[in-house]
Amino acid sequence: MSGNNIRKVLIVGGGTAGWMAAASLAKFLENMNIAVHLVESEEIGTVGVGEATIPPIIDFIRVLGIDENDLIRQIKATFKLGIGYRDWTRPGHFYFHPFGPTGFGMGSVSFNAYWLKMYLAGEAARLEEYSMQSVAAEQGRFMRPVHAPNTPLNKITYALHFDASLFARYLRGYAEKRGVVRTEGKVRTVTLKPADGFIESVTLENGETIEADLFIDCSGFRGVLIEQALKTGYNDWSHWLPCDRALAVPCAHGGPPAPYTQVTAREAGWQWRIPLQHRVGNGHVYCSHFMDDDKARDILLANLEGKPLAEPLPLRFTTGSRKKAWNKNCVALGLASGFLEPLESTSIHLIHRGIAMLLKFFPDSTFQKADIDRYNKIFDFEFGRVRDFLLLHYTHTERKGPFWEHCRNIPLTDSLQEKLDLFRSHGRILREDTELFPVQSWLFVMIGQNIVPQGYDPLADTLDPEKIKTNLKDIRAVVKRCADSMPTHQAFIAQNCAMKS
């Protein structure tokens, strides 16, 4: 071992972010003789609204060597094939943002290009009809991918809905079995080194002092280390994403759990519905400048599918990001690093991504500036691209009312404006570097929100129109047959991973 190696990591805060970090470090640093400690207080509640995920969560589970069915049983999870947007584009309208690939290319011409050509000519079906995940979700069906070459069943892409507190508890058990030491307590003070301003230690309310080389801040909105101690600063994005409050409440099931997250537009925001095995998670995200708390609560409770199981939990937030997610010897994860509302279920993924980048740039005790700067550059880029994707949802609707009219007048970021200009000209969508959302995601949301290009990629004219029609017809037929062959979502869970009663 080098004399400069990190010897101890302290994670401040538990919850989803803290225990995801602890589990990952325990797994991937197991041969480096690095002590991993976590301090948290049972008295401090977690936000726990991040119950919907996106497909990279499956990679996270698998690289840790966790048995997926066992995890699902323990955390009472269900499966997710995408997000359904109800009344979002306009009242009465529904579109689906699915996971996974859609269609296939013809030679050098992408599916998107030749579908768009026929769509603009009125000779193609809804985009969702060519997506395995969309058709299965709307039928309430699910299965994992199976070996069926050249069919959509071979590439079924999915994520999970789960109880975030149960997920954190599961990961705690995983991490503690691998040597992570947990200390119960609240941080009272943080001591900085006079020479360079790095964090030296934290002192708990019981007087215990814990030193470490690397600190990970998972203390939520408070940012005990990254903000209260290091004064890192915050990029306020509320001028782009104006919703600033939420109410969350669980309710009883009103029917079998759907294999997708439902998002429904409301007067001054939106409502989520996330079905789990034992309950349904619900929340109302809204802008306090256009709606008061009492009205928001009434709307939420009036639109539940079953009896509420608790009082609505109020949350207040400012969308944005820390000016540095990694400052000196402190890395912020989860809400301590920033907040983007869970419209596209990105919260848990951004924790996962932060952990993966930390492992990629894992420091020694010299904390080289080049590594830290690169980490922050990637974090800023990826966080910003997610912000752009959320902004797209708000600024391009046909809904009436003061809030939605305000959203349509929000100035776009340069990066989003470029995306829209390219799409409006010839339907082109480019995925840059490590941005999260693939081309298909942008296509489904833009088409779903009635953003129609003026033209299509001229390369589509190299194809025989009759062959295009035949391919589109065949894709729809195969997708429908595959979806029809799948069990219902409820039946799949019952057969493979039902929770223990």
Protein backbone atom coordinates (compact mmCIF):
# COMPACT_ATOMS: atom_id res chain seq x y z
CA MET A 1 0.00 0.00 0.00
CA SER A 2 1.22 3.48 -0.91
CA GLY A 3 1.73 5.96 1.88
CA ASN A 4 -0.72 8.28 0.12
CA ASN A 5 -3.61 5.82 -0.03
CA ILE A 6 -6.98 6.68 1.48
CA ARG A 7 -7.31 4.77 4.73
CA LYS A 8 -10.75 5.78 5.92
CA VAL A 9 -13.97 7.02 4.31
CA LEU A 10 -16.77 8.56 6.37
CA ILE A 11 -20.28 8.78 4.95
CA VAL A 12 -22.46 11.34 6.73
CA GLY A 13 -26.11 10.42 6.36
CA GLY A 14 -27.87 7.16 5.57
CA GLY A 15 -31.00 6.81 3.49
CA THR A 16 -30.82 5.72 -0.12
CA ALA A 17 -27.74 7.78 -1.00
CA GLY A 18 -25.72 6.84 2.08
CA TRP A 19 -26.33 3.12 1.90
CA MET A 20 -25.91 2.95 -1.88
CA ALA A 21 -22.50 4.55 -1.36
CA ALA A 22 -21.63 2.28 1.56
CA ALA A 23 -22.62 -0.88 -0.31
CA SER A 24 -20.65 0.15 -3.40
CA LEU A 25 -17.50 1.07 -1.51
CA ALA A 26 -17.68 -2.13 0.52
CA LYS A 27 -17.89 -4.14 -2.71
CA PHE A 28 -15.32 -2.38 -4.86
CA LEU A 29 -12.74 -1.34 -2.25
CA GLU A 30 -12.74 -4.66 -0.39
CA ASN A 31 -9.10 -5.45 -1.25
CA MET A 32 -7.70 -1.99 -0.49
CA ASN A 33 -7.83 -2.14 3.31
CA ILE A 34 -9.95 1.01 3.48
CA ALA A 35 -12.24 1.44 6.48
CA VAL A 36 -15.74 2.61 5.54
CA HIS A 37 -17.84 4.21 8.28
CA LEU A 38 -21.32 5.69 8.11
CA VAL A 39 -22.94 7.97 10.66
CA GLU A 40 -26.68 8.56 10.68
CA SER A 41 -29.45 9.38 13.09
CA GLU A 42 -32.74 7.53 13.32
CA GLU A 43 -34.26 10.83 14.45
CA ILE A 44 -33.60 12.46 11.09
CA GLY A 45 -36.16 11.33 8.54
CA THR A 46 -35.38 10.72 4.89
CA VAL A 47 -37.27 12.35 2.04
CA GLY A 48 -38.09 9.00 0.45
CA VAL A 49 -39.87 10.24 -2.69
CA GLY A 50 -37.50 8.45 -5.05
CA GLU A 51 -39.48 5.23 -5.36
CA ALA A 52 -39.36 5.04 -9.16
CA THR A 53 -36.14 4.25 -11.00
CA ILE A 54 -34.75 3.90 -14.52
CA PRO A 55 -32.97 0.87 -16.07
CA PRO A 56 -29.43 1.52 -14.78
CA ILE A 57 -30.68 0.49 -11.31
CA ILE A 58 -30.67 -3.10 -12.60
CA ASP A 59 -26.97 -2.75 -13.45
CA PHE A 60 -26.33 -1.41 -9.94
CA ILE A 61 -28.05 -4.42 -8.39
CA ARG A 62 -26.21 -6.90 -10.59
CA VAL A 63 -22.71 -5.51 -10.14
CA LEU A 64 -23.17 -5.78 -6.39
CA GLY A 65 -24.01 -9.46 -6.88
CA ILE A 66 -27.47 -9.07 -5.35
CA ASP A 67 -30.13 -11.65 -6.19
CA GLU A 68 -32.79 -9.58 -7.95
CA ASN A 69 -35.79 -11.70 -6.93
CA ASP A 70 -34.71 -11.72 -3.29
CA LEU A 71 -34.29 -7.95 -3.32
CA ILE A 72 -37.70 -7.45 -4.91
CA ARG A 73 -39.38 -9.64 -2.30
CA GLN A 74 -37.69 -7.84 0.57
CA ILE A 75 -38.36 -4.29 -0.63
CA LYS A 76 -41.86 -5.05 -1.98
CA ALA A 77 -40.93 -3.82 -5.43
CA THR A 78 -42.74 -3.95 -8.76
CA PHE A 79 -41.46 -3.62 -12.31
CA LYS A 80 -41.43 -0.54 -14.50
CA LEU A 81 -41.41 -0.36 -18.31
CA GLY A 82 -41.58 3.43 -18.62
CA ILE A 83 -43.65 6.49 -17.72
CA GLY A 84 -47.17 7.32 -18.84
CA TYR A 85 -48.05 11.01 -19.19
CA ARG A 86 -51.75 11.69 -18.70
CA ASP A 87 -53.34 15.08 -19.50
CA TRP A 88 -49.82 16.48 -19.92
CA THR A 89 -49.81 17.67 -23.51
CA ARG A 90 -53.45 18.68 -23.13
CA PRO A 91 -56.43 17.39 -21.09
CA GLY A 92 -57.59 13.98 -22.30
CA HIS A 93 -54.29 13.17 -24.00
CA PHE A 94 -51.95 10.31 -23.06
CA TYR A 95 -48.48 9.44 -24.27
CA PHE A 96 -45.92 6.94 -23.10
CA HIS A 97 -42.17 7.32 -22.60
CA PRO A 98 -40.88 3.72 -22.74
CA PHE A 99 -37.52 2.23 -21.90
CA GLY A 100 -35.49 0.26 -24.41
CA PRO A 101 -35.08 0.22 -28.18
CA THR A 102 -37.89 0.77 -30.66
CA GLY A 103 -37.93 -0.73 -34.15
CA PHE A 104 -34.78 -1.34 -36.17
CA GLY A 105 -32.79 0.42 -38.82
CA MET A 106 -32.90 -0.28 -42.54
CA GLY A 107 -29.35 -0.18 -43.87
CA SER A 108 -27.86 3.14 -42.83
CA VAL A 109 -31.26 4.70 -42.10
CA SER A 110 -32.50 4.68 -38.52
CA PHE A 111 -35.99 3.60 -37.50
CA ASN A 112 -36.66 7.13 -36.28
CA ALA A 113 -35.90 8.59 -39.71
CA TYR A 114 -38.09 6.30 -41.80
CA TRP A 115 -40.89 6.20 -39.22
CA LEU A 116 -40.93 10.01 -39.15
CA LYS A 117 -41.12 10.19 -42.94
CA MET A 118 -44.21 8.01 -42.96
CA TYR A 119 -45.68 9.69 -39.88
CA LEU A 120 -45.50 13.12 -41.52
CA ALA A 121 -47.23 11.61 -44.55
CA GLY A 122 -49.99 10.19 -42.35
CA GLU A 123 -48.95 6.62 -43.14
CA ALA A 124 -47.51 5.46 -39.78
CA ALA A 125 -49.18 4.47 -36.52
CA ARG A 126 -48.56 6.04 -33.11
CA LEU A 127 -44.93 5.74 -32.09
CA GLU A 128 -45.91 3.71 -29.01
CA GLU A 129 -47.25 0.88 -31.19
CA TYR A 130 -43.72 0.02 -32.31
CA SER A 131 -42.36 -0.21 -28.75
CA MET A 132 -42.42 -3.52 -26.86
CA GLN A 133 -42.37 -1.70 -23.52
CA SER A 134 -45.21 0.67 -24.45
CA VAL A 135 -47.60 -1.99 -25.69
CA ALA A 136 -46.88 -4.33 -22.76
CA ALA A 137 -47.26 -1.53 -20.22
CA GLU A 138 -50.61 -0.39 -21.58
CA GLN A 139 -51.81 -4.02 -21.42
CA GLY A 140 -50.52 -4.41 -17.85
CA ARG A 141 -48.05 -7.13 -18.87
CA PHE A 142 -44.45 -7.86 -17.93
CA MET A 143 -41.66 -10.39 -18.21
CA ARG A 144 -37.88 -10.26 -18.14
CA PRO A 145 -36.03 -10.67 -21.43
CA VAL A 146 -35.75 -14.21 -22.77
CA HIS A 147 -33.56 -15.79 -25.43
CA ALA A 148 -35.64 -15.04 -28.50
CA PRO A 149 -33.26 -13.69 -31.18
CA ASN A 150 -34.57 -11.04 -33.55
CA THR A 151 -37.64 -10.33 -31.43
CA PRO A 152 -38.38 -7.59 -28.90
CA LEU A 153 -38.56 -10.25 -26.16
CA ASN A 154 -34.80 -10.48 -26.36
CA LYS A 155 -34.32 -6.86 -25.32
CA ILE A 156 -37.02 -6.07 -22.77
CA THR A 157 -35.66 -3.14 -20.77
CA TYR A 158 -37.05 -2.41 -17.33
CA ALA A 159 -36.52 -0.71 -13.98
CA LEU A 160 -38.14 -1.00 -10.56
CA HIS A 161 -40.61 0.75 -8.30
CA PHE A 162 -39.69 0.26 -4.65
CA ASP A 163 -40.01 1.51 -1.12
CA ALA A 164 -36.89 3.67 -0.75
CA SER A 165 -36.62 3.12 3.00
CA LEU A 166 -36.74 -0.66 2.55
CA PHE A 167 -34.13 -0.42 -0.21
CA ALA A 168 -31.82 1.52 2.10
CA ARG A 169 -32.38 -1.04 4.87
CA TYR A 170 -31.53 -3.90 2.49
CA LEU A 171 -28.32 -2.18 1.39
CA ARG A 172 -27.42 -1.50 5.01
CA GLY A 173 -27.47 -5.22 5.71
CA TYR A 174 -25.39 -5.85 2.59
CA ALA A 175 -22.83 -3.20 3.56
CA GLU A 176 -22.52 -4.18 7.23
CA LYS A 177 -21.89 -7.80 6.28
CA ARG A 178 -18.94 -6.50 4.26
CA GLY A 179 -17.41 -4.51 7.09
CA VAL A 180 -19.05 -1.09 6.95
CA VAL A 181 -19.31 0.34 10.48
CA ARG A 182 -22.45 2.32 11.32
CA THR A 183 -22.59 4.89 14.12
CA GLU A 184 -25.86 6.25 15.42
CA GLY A 185 -25.76 10.00 16.01
CA LYS A 186 -26.14 13.54 14.71
CA VAL A 187 -23.25 15.67 13.54
CA ARG A 188 -22.85 18.66 15.85
CA THR A 189 -19.71 20.30 14.42
CA VAL A 190 -17.33 19.86 11.51
CA THR A 191 -13.64 20.66 11.97
CA LEU A 192 -11.61 21.94 9.03
CA LYS A 193 -7.85 21.80 8.70
CA PRO A 194 -6.41 25.32 9.11
CA ALA A 195 -3.77 24.81 6.42
CA ASP A 196 -6.00 23.95 3.45
CA GLY A 197 -9.64 24.03 4.60
CA PHE A 198 -10.10 20.30 4.07
CA ILE A 199 -12.42 18.45 6.44
CA GLU A 200 -10.50 16.88 9.31
CA SER A 201 -13.29 15.38 11.42
CA VAL A 202 -16.88 15.53 12.54
CA THR A 203 -18.03 15.63 16.14
CA LEU A 204 -21.35 14.09 17.11
CA GLU A 205 -23.82 15.36 19.68
CA ASN A 206 -22.62 12.74 22.15
CA GLY A 207 -19.10 14.19 21.93
CA GLU A 208 -17.57 11.44 19.78
CA THR A 209 -15.14 12.71 17.14
CA ILE A 210 -14.63 10.77 13.90
CA GLU A 211 -11.73 11.51 11.59
CA ALA A 212 -11.37 10.36 7.97
CA ASP A 213 -9.46 11.05 4.77
CA LEU A 214 -12.43 11.18 2.41
CA PHE A 215 -15.90 12.39 3.40
CA ILE A 216 -19.12 11.66 1.52
CA ASP A 217 -22.03 13.99 2.25
CA CYS A 218 -25.38 12.20 2.09
CA SER A 219 -27.08 14.50 4.58
CA GLY A 220 -29.85 15.58 2.23
CA PHE A 221 -30.94 19.14 1.52
CA ARG A 222 -29.02 20.39 4.57
CA GLY A 223 -25.63 19.60 3.02
CA VAL A 224 -23.97 19.41 6.44
CA LEU A 225 -20.49 18.98 4.97
CA ILE A 226 -20.63 20.29 1.40
CA GLU A 227 -22.55 23.47 2.24
CA GLN A 228 -22.69 24.19 5.96
CA ALA A 229 -19.00 23.44 6.48
CA LEU A 230 -17.38 24.07 3.08
CA LYS A 231 -19.69 26.87 1.84
CA THR A 232 -19.65 25.43 -1.66
CA GLY A 233 -22.58 27.40 -3.06
CA TYR A 234 -25.68 26.39 -4.99
CA ASN A 235 -26.88 26.92 -8.57
CA ASP A 236 -30.54 27.91 -8.27
CA TRP A 237 -32.49 26.64 -11.30
CA SER A 238 -35.96 27.64 -10.16
CA HIS A 239 -36.24 30.13 -13.03
CA TRP A 240 -36.19 27.09 -15.34
CA LEU A 241 -38.01 24.59 -13.11
CA PRO A 242 -40.42 26.61 -10.93
CA CYS A 243 -42.08 23.84 -8.90
CA ASP A 244 -40.86 24.21 -5.32
CA ARG A 245 -43.11 22.04 -3.15
CA ALA A 246 -44.47 18.52 -2.96
CA LEU A 247 -46.85 16.45 -0.88
CA ALA A 248 -46.31 12.69 -0.68
CA VAL A 249 -48.78 10.09 0.61
CA PRO A 250 -49.20 6.31 0.30
CA CYS A 251 -52.57 4.77 -0.40
CA ALA A 252 -54.15 1.33 -0.73
CA HIS A 253 -54.31 -0.39 -4.10
CA GLY A 254 -57.38 0.09 -6.24
CA GLY A 255 -56.44 -2.77 -8.59
CA PRO A 256 -53.47 -4.76 -9.89
CA PRO A 257 -50.20 -2.73 -9.97
CA ALA A 258 -49.43 -1.25 -13.37
CA PRO A 259 -45.91 -1.88 -14.75
CA TYR A 260 -45.22 1.82 -15.21
CA THR A 261 -45.12 5.12 -13.38
CA GLN A 262 -48.06 7.38 -14.11
CA VAL A 263 -47.65 11.14 -14.23
CA THR A 264 -50.77 13.29 -14.43
CA ALA A 265 -50.67 17.03 -15.06
CA ARG A 266 -52.49 19.21 -12.56
CA GLU A 267 -53.40 22.89 -12.40
CA ALA A 268 -50.00 24.07 -11.16
CA GLY A 269 -47.79 20.99 -11.41
CA TRP A 270 -48.24 17.24 -11.58
CA GLN A 271 -49.09 14.11 -9.61
CA TRP A 272 -47.18 10.82 -9.55
CA ARG A 273 -48.54 7.32 -9.01
CA ILE A 274 -46.02 4.56 -8.23
CA PRO A 275 -47.51 1.11 -7.54
CA LEU A 276 -45.64 -1.16 -5.14
CA GLN A 277 -46.62 -4.64 -4.01
CA HIS A 278 -48.05 -3.47 -0.69
CA ARG A 279 -49.25 0.04 -1.45
CA VAL A 280 -49.24 2.86 -3.99
CA GLY A 281 -46.91 5.83 -3.66
CA ASN A 282 -48.47 9.17 -4.63
CA GLY A 283 -47.27 12.72 -4.68
CA HIS A 284 -48.26 16.16 -5.90
CA VAL A 285 -45.43 18.40 -7.11
CA TYR A 286 -46.51 22.03 -7.49
CA CYS A 287 -45.44 25.65 -7.64
CA SER A 288 -46.35 27.67 -4.55
CA HIS A 289 -46.55 30.87 -6.62
CA PHE A 290 -49.59 29.45 -8.41
CA MET A 291 -51.20 27.20 -5.79
CA ASP A 292 -51.48 27.21 -2.00
CA ASP A 293 -50.70 24.20 0.16
CA ASP A 294 -54.30 23.47 1.16
CA LYS A 295 -55.50 23.31 -2.43
CA ALA A 296 -52.54 21.13 -3.40
CA ARG A 297 -53.42 18.74 -0.57
CA ASP A 298 -57.06 18.61 -1.63
CA ILE A 299 -56.12 17.79 -5.23
CA LEU A 300 -53.77 15.03 -4.14
CA LEU A 301 -56.24 13.35 -1.78
CA ALA A 302 -59.10 13.63 -4.29
CA ASN A 303 -57.11 11.72 -6.90
CA LEU A 304 -55.94 8.59 -5.08
CA GLU A 305 -56.94 5.13 -6.28
CA GLY A 306 -57.45 3.86 -2.73
CA LYS A 307 -57.71 4.89 0.90
CA PRO A 308 -54.80 7.10 2.12
CA LEU A 309 -52.56 5.25 4.55
CA ALA A 310 -50.95 8.29 6.21
CA GLU A 311 -51.10 12.05 6.36
CA PRO A 312 -49.48 13.77 3.35
CA LEU A 313 -45.80 14.59 3.97
CA PRO A 314 -44.91 18.17 2.93
CA LEU A 315 -41.59 18.87 1.20
CA ARG A 316 -40.00 22.13 0.13
CA PHE A 317 -37.12 22.36 -2.31
CA THR A 318 -35.21 24.57 -4.71
CA THR A 319 -34.25 22.87 -7.94
CA GLY A 320 -30.58 23.19 -8.78
CA SER A 321 -27.13 21.82 -8.07
CA ARG A 322 -24.11 22.47 -5.89
CA LYS A 323 -21.49 24.59 -7.60
CA LYS A 324 -19.11 21.72 -6.91
CA ALA A 325 -20.32 18.20 -6.19
CA TRP A 326 -16.73 17.39 -5.13
CA ASN A 327 -15.10 20.10 -3.02
CA LYS A 328 -11.70 19.45 -1.39
CA ASN A 329 -11.98 16.03 0.31
CA CYS A 330 -15.79 15.93 0.29
CA VAL A 331 -18.10 14.42 -2.35
CA ALA A 332 -21.82 15.15 -2.15
CA LEU A 333 -24.37 12.55 -3.26
CA GLY A 334 -28.14 12.60 -3.52
CA LEU A 335 -29.99 15.65 -2.27
CA ALA A 336 -26.77 17.07 -0.83
CA SER A 337 -25.48 17.43 -4.41
CA GLY A 338 -28.60 19.03 -5.82
CA PHE A 339 -32.26 18.40 -6.57
CA LEU A 340 -34.22 17.77 -9.74
CA GLU A 341 -37.87 16.91 -9.29
CA PRO A 342 -38.68 13.21 -9.92
CA LEU A 343 -40.61 13.79 -13.14
CA GLU A 344 -38.37 11.34 -15.03
CA SER A 345 -37.33 9.24 -12.00
CA THR A 346 -33.71 10.35 -12.13
CA SER A 347 -32.99 10.92 -8.42
CA ILE A 348 -31.68 7.45 -7.57
CA HIS A 349 -29.83 7.20 -10.87
CA LEU A 350 -27.92 10.40 -10.16
CA ILE A 351 -26.80 8.90 -6.84
CA HIS A 352 -25.65 5.77 -8.70
CA ARG A 353 -23.86 7.89 -11.29
CA GLY A 354 -22.09 9.95 -8.64
CA ILE A 355 -20.84 6.77 -6.94
CA ALA A 356 -19.65 5.29 -10.25
CA MET A 357 -17.73 8.47 -11.08
CA LEU A 358 -16.19 8.57 -7.60
CA LEU A 359 -14.90 5.04 -8.09
CA LYS A 360 -13.57 5.99 -11.51
CA PHE A 361 -11.71 8.98 -10.07
CA PHE A 362 -11.07 7.50 -6.63
CA PRO A 363 -8.41 9.69 -5.01
CA ASP A 364 -5.42 9.19 -2.83
CA SER A 365 -4.70 11.55 0.04
CA THR A 366 -3.14 14.14 -2.30
CA PHE A 367 -6.57 14.83 -3.87
CA GLN A 368 -5.30 15.88 -7.28
CA LYS A 369 -7.09 18.90 -8.73
CA ALA A 370 -7.28 17.40 -12.24
CA ASP A 371 -9.34 14.44 -10.98
CA ILE A 372 -11.68 16.61 -8.94
CA ASP A 373 -12.17 19.10 -11.79
CA ARG A 374 -12.99 16.33 -14.25
CA TYR A 375 -15.50 14.76 -11.84
CA ASN A 376 -17.22 18.12 -11.42
CA LYS A 377 -17.24 18.77 -15.15
CA ILE A 378 -18.95 15.44 -15.86
CA PHE A 379 -21.40 15.94 -12.99
CA ASP A 380 -22.32 19.44 -14.19
CA PHE A 381 -22.84 18.23 -17.76
CA GLU A 382 -25.00 15.25 -16.84
CA PHE A 383 -27.05 17.13 -14.25
CA GLY A 384 -27.58 19.92 -16.76
CA ARG A 385 -28.76 17.57 -19.48
CA VAL A 386 -31.33 16.05 -17.13
CA ARG A 387 -32.47 19.59 -16.30
CA ASP A 388 -32.91 20.24 -20.05
CA PHE A 389 -35.02 17.11 -20.47
CA LEU A 390 -37.30 18.15 -17.62
CA LEU A 391 -37.51 21.69 -18.99
CA LEU A 392 -38.67 20.27 -22.33
CA HIS A 393 -41.68 18.71 -20.60
CA TYR A 394 -42.82 22.02 -19.12
CA THR A 395 -42.21 24.42 -21.98
CA HIS A 396 -44.01 22.52 -24.74
CA THR A 397 -47.59 21.78 -23.75
CA GLU A 398 -51.02 22.95 -24.88
CA ARG A 399 -52.50 23.18 -21.38
CA LYS A 400 -54.36 26.30 -20.27
CA GLY A 401 -53.96 28.22 -17.04
CA PRO A 402 -51.51 30.69 -15.47
CA PHE A 403 -48.91 28.11 -14.41
CA TRP A 404 -48.67 26.38 -17.79
CA GLU A 405 -48.69 29.68 -19.65
CA HIS A 406 -45.82 30.80 -17.42
CA CYS A 407 -43.93 27.60 -18.26
CA ARG A 408 -44.33 28.10 -21.99
CA ASN A 409 -42.60 31.46 -21.63
CA ILE A 410 -39.58 30.17 -19.70
CA PRO A 411 -36.39 30.97 -21.66
CA LEU A 412 -34.73 27.77 -22.87
CA THR A 413 -31.14 26.84 -22.16
CA ASP A 414 -28.84 27.04 -25.19
CA SER A 415 -28.35 23.27 -25.13
CA LEU A 416 -32.10 22.56 -25.15
CA GLN A 417 -32.71 25.15 -27.86
CA GLU A 418 -30.15 23.43 -30.07
CA LYS A 419 -31.83 20.05 -29.48
CA LEU A 420 -35.19 21.47 -30.48
CA ASP A 421 -33.85 23.32 -33.54
CA LEU A 422 -32.22 20.15 -34.88
CA PHE A 423 -35.38 18.15 -34.31
CA ARG A 424 -37.69 20.73 -35.85
CA SER A 425 -35.62 20.93 -39.03
CA HIS A 426 -35.23 17.25 -40.01
CA GLY A 427 -36.16 15.23 -36.93
CA ARG A 428 -32.54 14.77 -35.89
CA ILE A 429 -31.62 13.98 -32.29
CA LEU A 430 -28.02 13.75 -31.11
CA ARG A 431 -26.87 12.17 -27.87
CA GLU A 432 -23.76 13.89 -26.59
CA ASP A 433 -20.99 12.32 -24.52
CA THR A 434 -22.37 10.82 -21.32
CA GLU A 435 -25.79 12.47 -21.25
CA LEU A 436 -28.35 10.19 -19.64
CA PHE A 437 -31.35 10.11 -21.94
CA PRO A 438 -30.98 8.27 -25.26
CA VAL A 439 -32.31 9.39 -28.62
CA GLN A 440 -35.48 7.32 -28.18
CA SER A 441 -36.40 9.13 -24.96
CA TRP A 442 -36.20 12.54 -26.60
CA LEU A 443 -38.18 11.27 -29.59
CA PHE A 444 -41.05 9.87 -27.52
CA VAL A 445 -41.38 12.99 -25.39
CA MET A 446 -41.14 15.45 -28.28
CA ILE A 447 -43.61 13.55 -30.44
CA GLY A 448 -45.80 12.93 -27.38
CA GLN A 449 -45.94 16.65 -26.72
CA ASN A 450 -46.81 17.41 -30.33
CA ILE A 451 -43.48 18.87 -31.40
CA VAL A 452 -43.61 18.05 -35.11
CA PRO A 453 -40.56 18.51 -37.36
CA GLN A 454 -40.84 20.46 -40.60
CA GLY A 455 -39.21 17.60 -42.47
CA TYR A 456 -37.37 14.32 -42.11
CA ASP A 457 -33.85 13.06 -42.72
CA PRO A 458 -33.35 13.07 -46.53
CA LEU A 459 -31.56 9.70 -46.27
CA ALA A 460 -34.99 8.14 -45.70
CA ASP A 461 -35.67 8.83 -49.38
CA THR A 462 -33.05 6.21 -50.28
CA LEU A 463 -35.49 3.53 -49.11
CA ASP A 464 -38.35 2.02 -51.06
CA PRO A 465 -41.56 3.44 -49.51
CA GLU A 466 -43.32 0.10 -49.92
CA LYS A 467 -40.54 -1.67 -47.99
CA ILE A 468 -40.84 0.94 -45.25
CA LYS A 469 -44.60 0.30 -45.01
CA THR A 470 -44.01 -3.44 -44.87
CA ASN A 471 -41.38 -3.09 -42.14
CA LEU A 472 -43.57 -0.81 -40.05
CA LYS A 473 -46.50 -3.22 -40.39
CA ASP A 474 -44.28 -6.17 -39.43
CA ILE A 475 -42.80 -4.37 -36.39
CA ARG A 476 -46.26 -3.55 -35.06
CA ALA A 477 -47.44 -7.11 -35.58
CA VAL A 478 -44.41 -8.67 -33.88
CA VAL A 479 -44.61 -6.26 -30.94
CA LYS A 480 -48.30 -7.05 -30.46
CA ARG A 481 -47.74 -10.82 -30.63
CA CYS A 482 -44.88 -10.62 -28.14
CA ALA A 483 -46.88 -8.48 -25.73
CA ASP A 484 -49.86 -10.81 -26.00
CA SER A 485 -47.60 -13.74 -25.04
CA MET A 486 -46.44 -12.12 -21.81
CA PRO A 487 -48.03 -12.79 -18.41
CA THR A 488 -49.71 -10.00 -16.54
CA HIS A 489 -47.49 -7.93 -14.30
CA GLN A 490 -49.27 -9.24 -11.22
CA ALA A 491 -48.92 -12.86 -12.36
CA PHE A 492 -45.20 -12.48 -13.05
CA ILE A 493 -44.60 -11.08 -9.57
CA ALA A 494 -46.69 -13.84 -7.97
CA GLN A 495 -44.71 -16.52 -9.81
CA ASN A 496 -41.23 -15.10 -9.22
CA CYS A 497 -40.82 -12.50 -6.48
CA ALA A 498 -43.92 -11.87 -4.40
CA MET A 499 -43.31 -10.19 -1.07
CA LYS A 500 -43.55 -12.24 2.09
CA SER A 501 -46.84 -11.62 3.87
